[in-house]
Amino acid sequence: MTSNRLSALVAGLAVVATLGACADMTPREHSTAVGAGIGAAAGAVLTGSPEGAVAGAAVGGVVGNQVKR
C-alpha cells in the first residue's frame, strides 16, 4: 500500500470516526454520514488518491441520504 493510498484511507476513516460521534442525528443524517464515510474509504482504496476519497465521500453521502427518503 502506497503512502498516498494509506493517507487517503486514514482520512476517510477519520471522517467516519468524527461523524460517528454525533449521537443526536436523525436516521437520515446518520445514513448520509455513514454513506459518506464508506464512500470516502472505498474511493481511497479504489483510486489511491485523495481526490478519489473526496469523490467517494460525495457519492456515498448522496446515496446514504436517499436511502432514508
C-alpha atoms as a PDB file:
ATOM      1  CA  MET A   1       0.000   0.000   0.000  1.00  0.00           C
ATOM      2  CA  THR A   2       1.464   3.334  -1.038  1.00  0.00           C
ATOM      3  CA  SER A   3       1.655   6.260   1.341  1.00  0.00           C
ATOM      4  CA  ASN A   4      -0.898   8.230  -0.700  1.00  0.00           C
ATOM      5  CA  ARG A   5      -3.387   5.381  -0.534  1.00  0.00           C
ATOM      6  CA  LEU A   6      -2.776   4.941   3.180  1.00  0.00           C
ATOM      7  CA  SER A   7      -3.197   8.675   3.789  1.00  0.00           C
ATOM      8  CA  ALA A   8      -6.472   8.751   1.900  1.00  0.00           C
ATOM      9  CA  LEU A   9      -7.747   5.711   3.772  1.00  0.00           C
ATOM     10  CA  VAL A  10      -6.811   7.224   7.127  1.00  0.00           C
ATOM     11  CA  ALA A  11      -8.551  10.469   6.168  1.00  0.00           C
ATOM     12  CA  GLY A  12     -11.703   8.565   5.234  1.00  0.00           C
ATOM     13  CA  LEU A  13     -11.664   6.627   8.485  1.00  0.00           C
ATOM     14  CA  ALA A  14     -11.146   9.860  10.420  1.00  0.00           C
ATOM     15  CA  VAL A  15     -14.286  11.253   8.791  1.00  0.00           C
ATOM     16  CA  VAL A  16     -16.240   8.149   9.815  1.00  0.00           C
ATOM     17  CA  ALA A  17     -14.957   8.360  13.396  1.00  0.00           C
ATOM     18  CA  THR A  18     -15.725  12.068  13.642  1.00  0.00           C
ATOM     19  CA  LEU A  19     -19.219  11.772  12.272  1.00  0.00           C
ATOM     20  CA  GLY A  20     -19.918   8.700  14.366  1.00  0.00           C
ATOM     21  CA  ALA A  21     -19.656  10.836  17.483  1.00  0.00           C
ATOM     22  CA  CYS A  22     -22.867  12.703  16.652  1.00  0.00           C
ATOM     23  CA  ALA A  23     -25.401  10.797  18.747  1.00  0.00           C
ATOM     24  CA  ASP A  24     -28.350  13.124  18.168  1.00  0.00           C
ATOM     25  CA  MET A  25     -28.573  12.667  14.402  1.00  0.00           C
ATOM     26  CA  THR A  26     -31.794  11.783  12.668  1.00  0.00           C
ATOM     27  CA  PRO A  27     -31.825   8.436  10.837  1.00  0.00           C
ATOM     28  CA  ARG A  28     -31.453  10.246   7.514  1.00  0.00           C
ATOM     29  CA  GLU A  29     -28.475  12.289   8.724  1.00  0.00           C
ATOM     30  CA  HIS A  30     -26.905   9.129  10.108  1.00  0.00           C
ATOM     31  CA  SER A  31     -27.318   7.329   6.780  1.00  0.00           C
ATOM     32  CA  THR A  32     -25.779  10.296   4.966  1.00  0.00           C
ATOM     33  CA  ALA A  33     -22.782  10.335   7.291  1.00  0.00           C
ATOM     34  CA  VAL A  34     -22.255   6.593   7.074  1.00  0.00           C
ATOM     35  CA  GLY A  35     -22.563   6.692   3.290  1.00  0.00           C
ATOM     36  CA  ALA A  36     -20.014   9.486   3.086  1.00  0.00           C
ATOM     37  CA  GLY A  37     -17.573   7.628   5.304  1.00  0.00           C
ATOM     38  CA  ILE A  38     -17.901   4.362   3.443  1.00  0.00           C
ATOM     39  CA  GLY A  39     -17.684   6.193   0.118  1.00  0.00           C
ATOM     40  CA  ALA A  40     -14.525   8.008   1.203  1.00  0.00           C
ATOM     41  CA  ALA A  41     -12.863   4.784   2.283  1.00  0.00           C
ATOM     42  CA  ALA A  42     -13.912   2.989  -0.889  1.00  0.00           C
ATOM     43  CA  GLY A  43     -12.800   5.880  -3.097  1.00  0.00           C
ATOM     44  CA  ALA A  44      -9.427   5.968  -1.369  1.00  0.00           C
ATOM     45  CA  VAL A  45      -8.887   2.255  -1.772  1.00  0.00           C
ATOM     46  CA  LEU A  46     -10.089   2.068  -5.358  1.00  0.00           C
ATOM     47  CA  THR A  47      -8.257   5.106  -6.708  1.00  0.00           C
ATOM     48  CA  GLY A  48      -5.395   5.530  -4.287  1.00  0.00           C
ATOM     49  CA  SER A  49      -5.753   9.289  -4.335  1.00  0.00           C
ATOM     50  CA  PRO A  50      -7.250  11.959  -2.078  1.00  0.00           C
ATOM     51  CA  GLU A  51      -9.408  13.101  -4.981  1.00  0.00           C
ATOM     52  CA  GLY A  52     -10.895   9.609  -5.176  1.00  0.00           C
ATOM     53  CA  ALA A  53     -11.665   9.746  -1.469  1.00  0.00           C
ATOM     54  CA  VAL A  54     -13.448  13.085  -1.862  1.00  0.00           C
ATOM     55  CA  ALA A  55     -15.444  11.853  -4.839  1.00  0.00           C
ATOM     56  CA  GLY A  56     -16.327   8.653  -3.000  1.00  0.00           C
ATOM     57  CA  ALA A  57     -17.483  10.645   0.018  1.00  0.00           C
ATOM     58  CA  ALA A  58     -19.697  12.825  -2.165  1.00  0.00           C
ATOM     59  CA  VAL A  59     -21.299   9.883  -3.944  1.00  0.00           C
ATOM     60  CA  GLY A  60     -21.651   7.884  -0.727  1.00  0.00           C
ATOM     61  CA  GLY A  61     -23.263  10.833   1.047  1.00  0.00           C
ATOM     62  CA  VAL A  62     -25.833  11.268  -1.701  1.00  0.00           C
ATOM     63  CA  VAL A  63     -26.639   7.549  -1.747  1.00  0.00           C
ATOM     64  CA  GLY A  64     -26.876   7.436   2.047  1.00  0.00           C
ATOM     65  CA  ASN A  65     -29.151  10.462   2.029  1.00  0.00           C
ATOM     66  CA  GLN A  66     -31.509   8.860  -0.462  1.00  0.00           C
ATOM     67  CA  VAL A  67     -31.735   5.546   1.431  1.00  0.00           C
ATOM     68  CA  LYS A  68     -33.866   7.065   4.210  1.00  0.00           C
ATOM     69  CA  ARG A  69     -36.021   9.097   1.856  1.00  0.00           C
END
